[in-house]
Amino acid sequence: DDGLSGRALLFLPIANPDGVVIAIPDDDQSPEEFSGIAEGGQAAPWLLALLKGGLAVSVPGIVERKADCPLCQKTKRSHLNRRTVLHRLGFIVGKSLVGIEVRQVLALADYLGSRFSLPESQIALVGQGQGGMTAFYAVAVQEGFWGASVVDYFQPRERCWQEPADRVLYGQLNEFGDAEVAALIAPRPLLISYAADGPTPSANVRAEMVRATRFYAGLDKAAELQAIEAPPGQGLSAAAAKIAERMGSRQPNVLPEITLRITREKIQAARDQHFEALHQYLLRLDAESDNIRDRRWNLLSTPASERLQRAAELRQELRRIM
């Protein structure tokens, strides 16, 4: 309703789907690459496992952490990429990139539920890396979803200051580590998948699992919180197999043949369109914010003799807001 849009791929089983899985890629892959339908690729095993289970699969676009946009190249700063550019624009108006991507996923879930006449309880989310964060928070804020599978993300957050700036959530550690976010998902299923030598080391996952388990145990649903240590590169497939087992049809399904392949040029065009839509959305919000601020504070028309007093009033107002 405010101009925010998104894009996603949709894969359907042969028969009517028993449920829907929204699978969110990491920030280094397009939806096409993540699904294995990029030119020269093969359909991803995790995707085939879900389709074989009679589940529809939708893969939303995510802003990739690539420095290949014109804005990044003009600045010639190595730390700038597509995500940091949007993060900086959103910061001005209190919009986090994580929050924007969660909203896009929630809108996608609304569309899929309506299209297939499915309740939210038959919609699950799975995500890897940055996509794991999006899935984790989306299921936490939307109580109706079946549950989530988080791959290569779940761990203690005390070192969140070392993570990319676009993952910043204001005041996060005042109340929420990953265990506390898991408490918002409980008692629904939460599957944590990781590799021993991956981005979320085993010791870190186990430590946060201990904290999260108390929330599930307190609801007598400890079995709904599971951690899977998978071989390197197999975390997503292990998570998909678990979801297919829990949500999918008990009847054998014919596996659809996925012959579609998308050229690199089309993938790049879609990537640029997705970024530019969000860029324009945030630019518009920033411009509207400037106008609202000017009308509210009215600094330019305040006489010089009154500006110190006016500035003090504004600081006091800001303290009340914060």
Protein backbone atom coordinates (compact mmCIF):
# COMPACT_ATOMS: atom_id res chain seq x y z
CA ASP A 1 0.00 0.00 0.00
CA ASP A 2 3.02 2.32 0.28
CA GLY A 3 4.67 1.33 -2.98
CA LEU A 4 6.85 -1.51 -1.70
CA SER A 5 7.06 -4.36 -4.20
CA GLY A 6 8.96 -7.61 -4.69
CA ARG A 7 9.54 -10.52 -7.07
CA ALA A 8 9.59 -14.28 -6.63
CA LEU A 9 9.79 -17.57 -8.50
CA LEU A 10 7.07 -20.19 -8.05
CA PHE A 11 7.49 -23.95 -8.53
CA LEU A 12 4.46 -26.26 -8.42
CA PRO A 13 4.14 -30.01 -7.83
CA ILE A 14 2.19 -32.12 -10.31
CA ALA A 15 -0.90 -32.34 -8.07
CA ASN A 16 -2.54 -29.63 -5.98
CA PRO A 17 -0.05 -28.60 -3.28
CA ASP A 18 -0.50 -29.80 0.30
CA GLY A 19 1.34 -26.74 1.52
CA VAL A 20 3.71 -23.98 0.50
CA VAL A 21 7.35 -23.41 1.38
CA ILE A 22 8.92 -19.98 0.93
CA ALA A 23 12.65 -20.58 0.45
CA ILE A 24 14.88 -17.53 0.85
CA PRO A 25 18.42 -17.51 -0.59
CA ASP A 26 21.59 -16.16 0.95
CA ASP A 27 22.81 -12.74 -0.13
CA ASP A 28 25.25 -14.11 -2.71
CA GLN A 29 22.71 -15.79 -4.99
CA SER A 30 19.81 -14.81 -7.18
CA PRO A 31 16.58 -16.82 -6.86
CA GLU A 32 17.43 -18.51 -10.17
CA GLU A 33 20.91 -19.55 -9.02
CA PHE A 34 19.58 -20.66 -5.64
CA SER A 35 16.96 -22.86 -7.33
CA GLY A 36 19.37 -24.25 -9.90
CA ILE A 37 17.54 -22.91 -12.95
CA ALA A 38 20.24 -20.50 -14.03
CA GLU A 39 21.69 -21.25 -17.45
CA GLY A 40 23.96 -24.28 -17.25
CA GLY A 41 22.66 -25.39 -13.84
CA GLN A 42 20.64 -28.30 -12.48
CA ALA A 43 17.53 -28.06 -10.33
CA ALA A 44 18.61 -27.89 -6.69
CA PRO A 45 18.18 -31.11 -4.65
CA TRP A 46 16.42 -29.22 -1.85
CA LEU A 47 13.86 -27.92 -4.36
CA LEU A 48 13.20 -31.36 -5.80
CA ALA A 49 12.75 -32.82 -2.29
CA LEU A 50 10.03 -30.30 -1.47
CA LEU A 51 8.24 -30.72 -4.81
CA LYS A 52 8.36 -34.50 -4.44
CA GLY A 53 6.65 -34.03 -1.08
CA GLY A 54 3.74 -32.34 -2.82
CA LEU A 55 4.66 -28.84 -1.68
CA ALA A 56 4.67 -25.68 -3.77
CA VAL A 57 7.89 -23.68 -3.46
CA SER A 58 8.33 -19.94 -3.89
CA VAL A 59 11.74 -18.26 -3.94
CA PRO A 60 11.65 -14.48 -3.36
CA GLY A 61 14.30 -12.11 -4.59
CA ILE A 62 16.74 -10.82 -2.00
CA VAL A 63 19.08 -7.86 -2.37
CA GLU A 64 22.47 -9.39 -3.06
CA ARG A 65 25.67 -8.28 -1.39
CA LYS A 66 27.30 -7.31 -4.67
CA ALA A 67 29.18 -4.13 -5.53
CA ASP A 68 28.15 -4.17 -9.19
CA CYS A 69 25.56 -1.39 -9.18
CA PRO A 70 26.48 2.03 -10.66
CA LEU A 71 26.16 3.75 -7.26
CA CYS A 72 28.71 1.40 -5.72
CA GLN A 73 31.13 1.78 -8.62
CA LYS A 74 30.93 5.58 -8.62
CA THR A 75 31.99 5.89 -4.97
CA LYS A 76 34.95 3.51 -5.37
CA ARG A 77 34.61 2.45 -1.73
CA SER A 78 35.27 -1.23 -1.18
CA HIS A 79 32.77 -1.59 1.67
CA LEU A 80 29.79 -0.36 -0.37
CA ASN A 81 27.49 -2.87 -2.02
CA ARG A 82 23.83 -3.07 -2.98
CA ARG A 83 22.74 -3.89 0.55
CA THR A 84 24.74 -1.14 2.27
CA VAL A 85 23.44 1.47 -0.19
CA LEU A 86 19.83 0.58 0.65
CA HIS A 87 20.64 0.27 4.35
CA ARG A 88 21.91 3.86 4.44
CA LEU A 89 18.85 5.20 2.66
CA GLY A 90 16.52 3.26 4.94
CA PHE A 91 18.31 4.33 8.13
CA ILE A 92 17.21 7.93 7.58
CA VAL A 93 13.54 6.99 7.81
CA GLY A 94 13.80 4.16 10.34
CA LYS A 95 13.57 1.38 7.76
CA SER A 96 15.92 -1.60 8.08
CA LEU A 97 16.67 -3.77 5.07
CA VAL A 98 15.87 -6.81 7.20
CA GLY A 99 12.45 -5.35 7.99
CA ILE A 100 11.78 -4.54 4.34
CA GLU A 101 12.61 -8.08 3.25
CA VAL A 102 10.45 -9.54 6.03
CA ARG A 103 7.54 -7.40 4.79
CA GLN A 104 8.08 -8.66 1.25
CA VAL A 105 8.00 -12.27 2.47
CA LEU A 106 4.81 -11.66 4.46
CA ALA A 107 3.15 -10.14 1.40
CA LEU A 108 4.27 -13.12 -0.68
CA ALA A 109 2.78 -15.49 1.92
CA ASP A 110 -0.54 -13.62 1.74
CA TYR A 111 -0.59 -14.01 -2.05
CA LEU A 112 0.31 -17.72 -1.95
CA GLY A 113 -2.26 -18.49 0.73
CA SER A 114 -4.93 -16.76 -1.34
CA ARG A 115 -3.88 -18.39 -4.61
CA PHE A 116 -3.95 -21.94 -3.24
CA SER A 117 -6.70 -21.40 -0.63
CA LEU A 118 -4.33 -22.50 2.13
CA PRO A 119 -4.29 -21.29 5.74
CA GLU A 120 -1.09 -19.81 7.16
CA SER A 121 -0.57 -23.01 9.12
CA GLN A 122 0.29 -24.73 5.83
CA ILE A 123 2.98 -22.20 4.93
CA ALA A 124 6.55 -22.79 6.10
CA LEU A 125 9.70 -20.71 5.64
CA VAL A 126 13.25 -21.88 5.06
CA GLY A 127 16.25 -19.62 4.55
CA GLN A 128 20.01 -19.83 4.26
CA GLY A 129 22.46 -17.28 5.68
CA GLN A 130 20.94 -13.83 5.18
CA GLY A 131 17.80 -15.57 3.96
CA GLY A 132 17.83 -17.54 7.20
CA MET A 133 17.65 -14.31 9.15
CA THR A 134 14.69 -13.15 7.06
CA ALA A 135 12.85 -16.46 7.51
CA PHE A 136 13.62 -16.48 11.25
CA TYR A 137 12.17 -13.03 11.89
CA ALA A 138 9.23 -13.43 9.50
CA VAL A 139 7.98 -16.53 11.33
CA ALA A 140 8.61 -14.83 14.67
CA VAL A 141 6.33 -11.90 13.84
CA GLN A 142 3.64 -13.90 11.99
CA GLU A 143 2.09 -16.32 14.45
CA GLY A 144 0.08 -18.32 11.92
CA PHE A 145 2.95 -19.85 9.92
CA TRP A 146 3.68 -23.58 10.32
CA GLY A 147 7.26 -22.93 11.35
CA ALA A 148 10.74 -22.28 10.02
CA SER A 149 14.01 -23.90 9.08
CA VAL A 150 17.05 -21.69 9.53
CA VAL A 151 20.28 -22.70 7.78
CA ASP A 152 23.70 -21.23 8.66
CA TYR A 153 22.39 -18.31 10.73
CA PHE A 154 21.29 -19.33 14.26
CA GLN A 155 23.92 -18.59 16.95
CA PRO A 156 24.69 -16.14 19.79
CA ARG A 157 24.47 -12.48 18.74
CA GLU A 158 26.93 -10.88 21.16
CA ARG A 159 29.24 -10.25 18.19
CA CYS A 160 26.54 -8.75 15.99
CA TRP A 161 28.67 -5.60 15.74
CA GLN A 162 31.03 -7.63 13.52
CA GLU A 163 28.25 -8.53 11.10
CA PRO A 164 27.31 -6.48 8.01
CA ALA A 165 25.82 -3.10 8.86
CA ASP A 166 22.56 -3.88 7.05
CA ARG A 167 21.79 -6.56 9.68
CA VAL A 168 21.67 -3.94 12.44
CA LEU A 169 18.45 -3.91 14.45
CA TYR A 170 18.27 -0.95 16.81
CA GLY A 171 18.43 -2.05 20.47
CA GLN A 172 18.42 -5.73 19.47
CA LEU A 173 20.53 -7.08 22.32
CA ASN A 174 18.61 -5.20 25.01
CA GLU A 175 16.10 -8.05 24.93
CA PHE A 176 16.70 -10.38 21.99
CA GLY A 177 19.34 -12.91 21.18
CA ASP A 178 18.44 -15.67 18.73
CA ALA A 179 17.05 -17.77 21.59
CA GLU A 180 14.54 -15.04 22.47
CA VAL A 181 13.46 -14.76 18.84
CA ALA A 182 13.01 -18.54 18.88
CA ALA A 183 10.73 -18.05 21.89
CA LEU A 184 8.41 -16.02 19.65
CA ILE A 185 8.22 -18.98 17.25
CA ALA A 186 7.57 -21.57 20.00
CA PRO A 187 5.72 -23.91 20.17
CA ARG A 188 5.80 -24.16 16.36
CA PRO A 189 8.52 -26.23 14.64
CA LEU A 190 11.95 -24.61 14.39
CA LEU A 191 14.66 -26.58 12.58
CA ILE A 192 18.24 -25.33 12.87
CA SER A 193 20.63 -26.65 10.23
CA TYR A 194 24.37 -26.04 10.19
CA ALA A 195 27.72 -27.49 9.12
CA ALA A 196 30.42 -28.14 11.70
CA ASP A 197 32.92 -25.91 9.89
CA GLY A 198 30.36 -23.51 8.41
CA PRO A 199 29.54 -19.86 9.21
CA THR A 200 27.77 -20.93 12.43
CA PRO A 201 30.21 -23.20 14.29
CA SER A 202 28.83 -26.19 16.18
CA ALA A 203 29.78 -24.80 19.60
CA ASN A 204 27.94 -21.54 18.89
CA VAL A 205 24.80 -23.32 17.70
CA ARG A 206 24.79 -25.66 20.69
CA ALA A 207 25.19 -22.78 23.13
CA GLU A 208 22.23 -20.88 21.73
CA MET A 209 20.18 -24.08 21.46
CA VAL A 210 20.57 -24.59 25.21
CA ARG A 211 19.07 -21.16 25.81
CA ALA A 212 16.28 -21.66 23.26
CA THR A 213 15.33 -25.12 24.53
CA ARG A 214 14.07 -23.75 27.84
CA PHE A 215 11.33 -21.82 26.02
CA TYR A 216 10.16 -24.89 24.12
CA ALA A 217 10.47 -27.14 27.17
CA GLY A 218 8.40 -24.67 29.18
CA LEU A 219 5.58 -25.20 26.68
CA ASP A 220 6.11 -28.99 26.75
CA LYS A 221 7.16 -28.82 23.07
CA ALA A 222 10.89 -29.49 23.31
CA ALA A 223 10.71 -31.93 20.37
CA GLU A 224 9.63 -29.11 18.04
CA LEU A 225 13.06 -27.47 18.34
CA GLN A 226 15.70 -29.47 16.47
CA ALA A 227 19.27 -28.93 15.34
CA ILE A 228 20.73 -30.80 12.38
CA GLU A 229 24.47 -30.96 11.78
CA ALA A 230 24.79 -31.61 8.06
CA PRO A 231 27.82 -32.21 5.82
CA PRO A 232 29.24 -29.05 4.21
CA GLY A 233 26.86 -27.75 1.55
CA GLN A 234 24.06 -30.11 2.58
CA GLY A 235 22.35 -28.02 5.25
CA LEU A 236 19.58 -26.78 2.98
CA SER A 237 18.84 -30.24 1.60
CA ALA A 238 18.67 -31.66 5.14
CA ALA A 239 16.26 -28.90 6.17
CA ALA A 240 14.09 -29.42 3.07
CA ALA A 241 13.90 -33.17 3.72
CA LYS A 242 12.67 -32.53 7.27
CA ILE A 243 10.02 -30.08 6.10
CA ALA A 244 8.85 -32.44 3.34
CA GLU A 245 8.59 -35.23 5.91
CA ARG A 246 6.55 -33.10 8.31
CA MET A 247 4.39 -31.07 5.91
CA GLY A 248 4.32 -33.06 2.69
CA SER A 249 1.89 -35.63 1.37
CA ARG A 250 2.04 -39.20 2.67
CA GLN A 251 1.30 -40.43 -0.84
CA PRO A 252 4.10 -40.86 -3.41
CA ASN A 253 4.24 -37.92 -5.79
CA VAL A 254 5.49 -37.73 -9.35
CA LEU A 255 8.51 -35.46 -9.50
CA PRO A 256 7.99 -32.65 -12.03
CA GLU A 257 10.69 -32.18 -14.63
CA ILE A 258 12.15 -28.68 -14.42
CA THR A 259 13.50 -27.82 -17.85
CA LEU A 260 13.37 -24.02 -17.61
CA ARG A 261 16.75 -22.29 -17.63
CA ILE A 262 17.24 -18.53 -17.29
CA THR A 263 20.07 -16.75 -19.06
CA ARG A 264 22.64 -14.70 -17.15
CA GLU A 265 21.47 -11.58 -18.93
CA LYS A 266 17.88 -12.04 -17.75
CA ILE A 267 19.05 -12.78 -14.20
CA GLN A 268 21.12 -9.60 -14.17
CA ALA A 269 18.21 -7.56 -15.54
CA ALA A 270 15.88 -8.93 -12.85
CA ARG A 271 18.50 -8.27 -10.17
CA ASP A 272 18.88 -4.66 -11.31
CA GLN A 273 15.11 -4.13 -11.52
CA HIS A 274 14.65 -5.47 -7.98
CA PHE A 275 17.38 -3.19 -6.60
CA GLU A 276 16.17 -0.13 -8.47
CA ALA A 277 12.58 -0.61 -7.25
CA LEU A 278 13.77 -0.63 -3.63
CA HIS A 279 16.15 2.26 -4.30
CA GLN A 280 13.34 4.43 -5.67
CA TYR A 281 11.02 3.37 -2.84
CA LEU A 282 13.52 4.53 -0.20
CA LEU A 283 14.41 7.72 -2.08
CA ARG A 284 10.72 8.63 -2.08
CA LEU A 285 10.41 7.96 1.65
CA ASP A 286 13.51 10.08 2.32
CA ALA A 287 12.10 12.99 0.30
CA GLU A 288 8.76 12.76 2.11
CA SER A 289 10.60 12.68 5.42
CA ASP A 290 12.48 15.86 4.54
CA ASN A 291 9.21 17.64 3.80
CA ILE A 292 7.56 16.44 7.01
CA ARG A 293 10.61 17.47 9.04
CA ASP A 294 10.65 20.93 7.49
CA ARG A 295 6.97 21.45 8.27
CA ARG A 296 7.31 20.11 11.81
CA TRP A 297 10.51 21.84 12.90
CA ASN A 298 10.23 24.94 10.73
CA LEU A 299 13.87 25.77 11.37
CA LEU A 300 14.52 27.86 8.28
CA SER A 301 11.79 30.36 9.13
CA THR A 302 12.75 30.59 12.82
CA PRO A 303 14.41 33.97 13.60
CA ALA A 304 18.08 33.70 14.52
CA SER A 305 17.39 35.05 18.01
CA GLU A 306 15.01 32.15 18.73
CA ARG A 307 16.99 29.29 17.24
CA LEU A 308 18.82 28.24 20.42
CA GLN A 309 15.55 27.94 22.30
CA ARG A 310 13.93 26.15 19.37
CA ALA A 311 16.85 23.72 19.15
CA ALA A 312 16.52 22.93 22.88
CA GLU A 313 12.81 22.22 22.43
CA LEU A 314 13.55 19.90 19.54
CA ARG A 315 16.17 17.98 21.53
CA GLN A 316 13.68 17.54 24.35
CA GLU A 317 11.07 16.30 21.87
CA LEU A 318 13.59 13.88 20.38
CA ARG A 319 14.38 12.44 23.83
CA ARG A 320 10.68 11.78 24.40
CA ILE A 321 10.39 10.01 21.04
CA MET A 322 13.46 7.86 21.59
